[in-house]
Amino acid sequence: MNDLELEITSKAYNDIEIISDYIAKDNKTAATKFIKLFYKTFKTLCKHPHLGKSREDFTYLDVKFYIVKKNYLIIYRIIDNKTLRILRILTTYQDVCSIL
């Protein structure tokens, strides 16, 4: 199977920026590492899109959740078995159900 194309929504880009800014207040190097980790994870998900889990207890939407570093959720959708669309990146401290 070929890797899926990566698509990142503007909300997901905004989420990355918010997370990075928050971490950078204490440690700019850690913030940069986190951004790199997210993009590395996106590549992994493009190769293995079914690593994430559906969470019907969170949402009825056809999305998958993948946990990064215990506290971050990458929320994505597979489109026509061709594209992996990153919808949001949220912390586990947020009310995920109400945001989706």
N, C-alpha and C. Protein backbone atom coordinates (compact mmCIF):
# COMPACT_ATOMS: atom_id res chain seq x y z
N MET A 1 0.84 -1.18 0.00
CA MET A 1 0.00 0.00 0.00
C MET A 1 0.88 1.25 0.00
N ASN A 2 0.52 2.21 -0.82
CA ASN A 2 1.26 3.46 -0.86
C ASN A 2 0.90 4.33 0.33
N ASP A 3 1.83 5.19 0.70
CA ASP A 3 1.56 6.14 1.78
C ASP A 3 0.42 7.07 1.36
N LEU A 4 -0.38 7.44 2.34
CA LEU A 4 -1.44 8.40 2.08
C LEU A 4 -0.85 9.80 1.98
N GLU A 5 -1.50 10.64 1.23
CA GLU A 5 -1.13 12.05 1.15
C GLU A 5 -1.51 12.71 2.47
N LEU A 6 -0.71 13.65 2.92
CA LEU A 6 -0.97 14.35 4.17
C LEU A 6 -1.66 15.68 3.88
N GLU A 7 -2.73 15.93 4.60
CA GLU A 7 -3.42 17.21 4.55
C GLU A 7 -3.63 17.67 5.99
N ILE A 8 -3.26 18.90 6.26
CA ILE A 8 -3.40 19.45 7.62
C ILE A 8 -4.35 20.63 7.56
N THR A 9 -5.39 20.59 8.35
CA THR A 9 -6.37 21.68 8.34
C THR A 9 -5.80 22.92 9.03
N SER A 10 -6.40 24.05 8.76
CA SER A 10 -5.95 25.29 9.39
C SER A 10 -6.15 25.22 10.91
N LYS A 11 -7.18 24.54 11.37
CA LYS A 11 -7.38 24.40 12.82
C LYS A 11 -6.25 23.59 13.43
N ALA A 12 -5.80 22.55 12.74
CA ALA A 12 -4.70 21.74 13.25
C ALA A 12 -3.40 22.54 13.28
N TYR A 13 -3.16 23.34 12.23
CA TYR A 13 -1.98 24.21 12.25
C TYR A 13 -2.04 25.16 13.44
N ASN A 14 -3.21 25.71 13.67
CA ASN A 14 -3.39 26.61 14.81
C ASN A 14 -3.15 25.88 16.13
N ASP A 15 -3.63 24.65 16.23
CA ASP A 15 -3.40 23.85 17.44
C ASP A 15 -1.91 23.66 17.69
N ILE A 16 -1.16 23.34 16.63
CA ILE A 16 0.28 23.14 16.76
C ILE A 16 0.94 24.42 17.25
N GLU A 17 0.52 25.54 16.71
CA GLU A 17 1.09 26.82 17.11
C GLU A 17 0.80 27.12 18.58
N ILE A 18 -0.42 26.88 19.01
CA ILE A 18 -0.79 27.13 20.41
C ILE A 18 0.02 26.24 21.35
N ILE A 19 0.13 24.96 21.00
CA ILE A 19 0.89 24.01 21.84
C ILE A 19 2.36 24.42 21.88
N SER A 20 2.91 24.75 20.73
CA SER A 20 4.31 25.15 20.65
C SER A 20 4.57 26.42 21.46
N ASP A 21 3.71 27.41 21.32
CA ASP A 21 3.88 28.66 22.07
C ASP A 21 3.83 28.42 23.58
N TYR A 22 2.93 27.55 23.99
CA TYR A 22 2.79 27.25 25.41
C TYR A 22 4.07 26.60 25.95
N ILE A 23 4.57 25.61 25.22
CA ILE A 23 5.79 24.91 25.66
C ILE A 23 7.00 25.85 25.60
N ALA A 24 7.04 26.70 24.58
CA ALA A 24 8.19 27.60 24.38
C ALA A 24 8.34 28.62 25.50
N LYS A 25 7.27 28.90 26.22
CA LYS A 25 7.38 29.84 27.35
C LYS A 25 8.42 29.36 28.36
N ASP A 26 8.50 28.04 28.51
CA ASP A 26 9.45 27.45 29.45
C ASP A 26 10.71 26.92 28.78
N ASN A 27 10.54 26.43 27.52
CA ASN A 27 11.67 25.76 26.89
C ASN A 27 11.50 25.76 25.37
N LYS A 28 12.20 26.65 24.69
CA LYS A 28 12.07 26.76 23.24
C LYS A 28 12.56 25.51 22.52
N THR A 29 13.61 24.90 23.05
CA THR A 29 14.14 23.68 22.43
C THR A 29 13.10 22.56 22.50
N ALA A 30 12.45 22.43 23.63
CA ALA A 30 11.41 21.41 23.78
C ALA A 30 10.25 21.67 22.83
N ALA A 31 9.90 22.92 22.63
CA ALA A 31 8.81 23.27 21.71
C ALA A 31 9.16 22.84 20.29
N THR A 32 10.39 23.10 19.88
CA THR A 32 10.84 22.69 18.55
C THR A 32 10.82 21.18 18.41
N LYS A 33 11.25 20.47 19.44
CA LYS A 33 11.23 19.01 19.41
C LYS A 33 9.80 18.48 19.30
N PHE A 34 8.88 19.14 19.98
CA PHE A 34 7.49 18.72 19.92
C PHE A 34 6.92 18.88 18.52
N ILE A 35 7.22 19.98 17.88
CA ILE A 35 6.74 20.19 16.51
C ILE A 35 7.29 19.10 15.60
N LYS A 36 8.57 18.80 15.73
CA LYS A 36 9.18 17.75 14.93
C LYS A 36 8.52 16.40 15.21
N LEU A 37 8.21 16.15 16.48
CA LEU A 37 7.55 14.90 16.85
C LEU A 37 6.17 14.79 16.19
N PHE A 38 5.42 15.88 16.19
CA PHE A 38 4.11 15.85 15.54
C PHE A 38 4.25 15.50 14.06
N TYR A 39 5.17 16.15 13.36
CA TYR A 39 5.32 15.90 11.93
C TYR A 39 5.85 14.49 11.65
N LYS A 40 6.70 13.99 12.51
CA LYS A 40 7.16 12.61 12.37
C LYS A 40 5.99 11.65 12.56
N THR A 41 5.13 11.95 13.53
CA THR A 41 3.95 11.12 13.77
C THR A 41 3.00 11.19 12.58
N PHE A 42 2.84 12.36 11.98
CA PHE A 42 1.99 12.48 10.79
C PHE A 42 2.50 11.55 9.68
N LYS A 43 3.82 11.52 9.48
CA LYS A 43 4.40 10.64 8.46
C LYS A 43 4.12 9.17 8.77
N THR A 44 4.26 8.81 10.04
CA THR A 44 3.98 7.43 10.46
C THR A 44 2.52 7.09 10.18
N LEU A 45 1.62 8.01 10.51
CA LEU A 45 0.20 7.76 10.28
C LEU A 45 -0.12 7.66 8.79
N CYS A 46 0.60 8.38 7.96
CA CYS A 46 0.40 8.26 6.51
C CYS A 46 0.80 6.87 6.02
N LYS A 47 1.81 6.29 6.64
CA LYS A 47 2.26 4.94 6.29
C LYS A 47 1.34 3.87 6.90
N HIS A 48 0.84 4.15 8.11
CA HIS A 48 0.03 3.19 8.86
C HIS A 48 -1.22 3.89 9.40
N PRO A 49 -2.16 4.22 8.54
CA PRO A 49 -3.29 5.06 8.94
C PRO A 49 -4.24 4.43 9.95
N HIS A 50 -4.16 3.13 10.12
CA HIS A 50 -5.09 2.48 11.05
C HIS A 50 -4.50 2.29 12.45
N LEU A 51 -3.39 2.98 12.73
CA LEU A 51 -2.82 2.95 14.08
C LEU A 51 -3.73 3.63 15.09
N GLY A 52 -4.43 4.64 14.65
CA GLY A 52 -5.33 5.37 15.53
C GLY A 52 -6.57 4.56 15.85
N LYS A 53 -7.26 5.00 16.86
CA LYS A 53 -8.47 4.30 17.33
C LYS A 53 -9.70 5.17 17.15
N SER A 54 -10.79 4.54 16.78
CA SER A 54 -12.07 5.24 16.77
C SER A 54 -12.54 5.36 18.21
N ARG A 55 -13.22 6.42 18.53
CA ARG A 55 -13.71 6.64 19.90
C ARG A 55 -15.16 7.07 19.85
N GLU A 56 -16.05 6.12 19.75
CA GLU A 56 -17.47 6.42 19.70
C GLU A 56 -17.96 7.06 20.99
N ASP A 57 -17.20 6.89 22.07
CA ASP A 57 -17.58 7.55 23.33
C ASP A 57 -17.26 9.05 23.30
N PHE A 58 -16.42 9.47 22.34
CA PHE A 58 -16.08 10.90 22.18
C PHE A 58 -16.96 11.56 21.13
N THR A 59 -17.15 10.87 20.00
CA THR A 59 -17.84 11.50 18.87
C THR A 59 -18.43 10.44 17.94
N TYR A 60 -19.49 10.80 17.28
CA TYR A 60 -20.09 9.94 16.27
C TYR A 60 -19.39 10.12 14.91
N LEU A 61 -18.53 11.12 14.80
CA LEU A 61 -17.82 11.39 13.55
C LEU A 61 -16.88 10.25 13.19
N ASP A 62 -16.66 10.07 11.91
CA ASP A 62 -15.75 9.03 11.41
C ASP A 62 -14.32 9.54 11.47
N VAL A 63 -13.77 9.56 12.67
CA VAL A 63 -12.41 10.05 12.88
C VAL A 63 -11.65 9.04 13.74
N LYS A 64 -10.34 9.18 13.71
CA LYS A 64 -9.47 8.34 14.54
C LYS A 64 -8.65 9.24 15.45
N PHE A 65 -8.24 8.66 16.57
CA PHE A 65 -7.46 9.37 17.57
C PHE A 65 -6.14 8.64 17.76
N TYR A 66 -5.07 9.40 17.80
CA TYR A 66 -3.75 8.82 18.06
C TYR A 66 -3.09 9.65 19.16
N ILE A 67 -2.62 8.98 20.19
CA ILE A 67 -2.04 9.65 21.35
C ILE A 67 -0.54 9.85 21.15
N VAL A 68 -0.09 11.07 21.46
CA VAL A 68 1.33 11.41 21.41
C VAL A 68 1.73 11.90 22.80
N LYS A 69 2.76 11.31 23.35
CA LYS A 69 3.32 11.73 24.65
C LYS A 69 2.26 11.81 25.76
N LYS A 70 1.36 10.90 25.78
CA LYS A 70 0.32 10.74 26.81
C LYS A 70 -0.71 11.85 26.87
N ASN A 71 -0.36 13.08 26.51
CA ASN A 71 -1.27 14.21 26.73
C ASN A 71 -1.77 14.90 25.47
N TYR A 72 -1.42 14.39 24.31
CA TYR A 72 -1.83 15.05 23.07
C TYR A 72 -2.54 14.06 22.17
N LEU A 73 -3.66 14.51 21.59
CA LEU A 73 -4.44 13.67 20.69
C LEU A 73 -4.37 14.24 19.28
N ILE A 74 -3.91 13.42 18.37
CA ILE A 74 -4.01 13.78 16.96
C ILE A 74 -5.33 13.19 16.48
N ILE A 75 -6.18 14.05 15.97
CA ILE A 75 -7.48 13.62 15.49
C ILE A 75 -7.46 13.73 13.97
N TYR A 76 -7.74 12.62 13.30
CA TYR A 76 -7.61 12.61 11.85
C TYR A 76 -8.69 11.76 11.20
N ARG A 77 -8.79 11.95 9.90
CA ARG A 77 -9.76 11.21 9.09
C ARG A 77 -9.02 10.71 7.85
N ILE A 78 -9.40 9.52 7.42
CA ILE A 78 -8.88 8.96 6.18
C ILE A 78 -9.91 9.26 5.09
N ILE A 79 -9.47 9.90 4.03
CA ILE A 79 -10.35 10.31 2.95
C ILE A 79 -10.09 9.44 1.72
N ASP A 80 -11.08 8.66 1.34
CA ASP A 80 -11.03 7.83 0.12
C ASP A 80 -9.78 6.95 0.03
N ASN A 81 -9.26 6.53 1.15
CA ASN A 81 -8.04 5.71 1.20
C ASN A 81 -6.87 6.33 0.43
N LYS A 82 -6.90 7.67 0.30
CA LYS A 82 -5.83 8.37 -0.42
C LYS A 82 -5.19 9.46 0.42
N THR A 83 -5.97 10.05 1.31
CA THR A 83 -5.51 11.22 2.04
C THR A 83 -5.72 11.03 3.53
N LEU A 84 -4.73 11.44 4.30
CA LEU A 84 -4.85 11.48 5.75
C LEU A 84 -4.99 12.95 6.12
N ARG A 85 -6.17 13.31 6.61
CA ARG A 85 -6.45 14.70 6.95
C ARG A 85 -6.35 14.88 8.47
N ILE A 86 -5.38 15.68 8.90
CA ILE A 86 -5.23 16.00 10.32
C ILE A 86 -6.25 17.09 10.62
N LEU A 87 -7.20 16.78 11.49
CA LEU A 87 -8.27 17.71 11.82
C LEU A 87 -7.92 18.62 12.98
N ARG A 88 -7.41 18.02 14.04
CA ARG A 88 -7.09 18.78 15.25
C ARG A 88 -5.95 18.08 15.98
N ILE A 89 -5.28 18.84 16.83
CA ILE A 89 -4.33 18.30 17.79
C ILE A 89 -4.71 18.95 19.12
N LEU A 90 -5.22 18.14 20.02
CA LEU A 90 -5.74 18.65 21.27
C LEU A 90 -5.00 18.02 22.44
N THR A 91 -5.05 18.69 23.57
CA THR A 91 -4.49 18.09 24.77
C THR A 91 -5.58 17.29 25.46
N THR A 92 -5.18 16.33 26.24
CA THR A 92 -6.15 15.53 26.97
C THR A 92 -6.81 16.33 28.08
N TYR A 93 -6.31 17.53 28.33
CA TYR A 93 -6.90 18.41 29.34
C TYR A 93 -8.10 19.18 28.79
N GLN A 94 -8.24 19.19 27.47
CA GLN A 94 -9.35 19.90 26.86
C GLN A 94 -10.59 19.00 26.82
N ASP A 95 -11.75 19.61 26.70
CA ASP A 95 -13.00 18.87 26.57
C ASP A 95 -13.17 18.47 25.10
N VAL A 96 -12.59 17.35 24.75
CA VAL A 96 -12.53 16.90 23.37
C VAL A 96 -13.93 16.76 22.78
N CYS A 97 -14.85 16.21 23.53
CA CYS A 97 -16.21 15.98 23.04
C CYS A 97 -16.88 17.28 22.60
N SER A 98 -16.74 18.32 23.39
CA SER A 98 -17.39 19.58 23.04
C SER A 98 -16.69 20.30 21.89
N ILE A 99 -15.39 20.08 21.74
CA ILE A 99 -14.65 20.73 20.66
C ILE A 99 -14.98 20.09 19.31
N LEU A 100 -15.15 18.78 19.30
CA LEU A 100 -15.47 18.11 18.04
C LEU A 100 -16.92 18.33 17.69
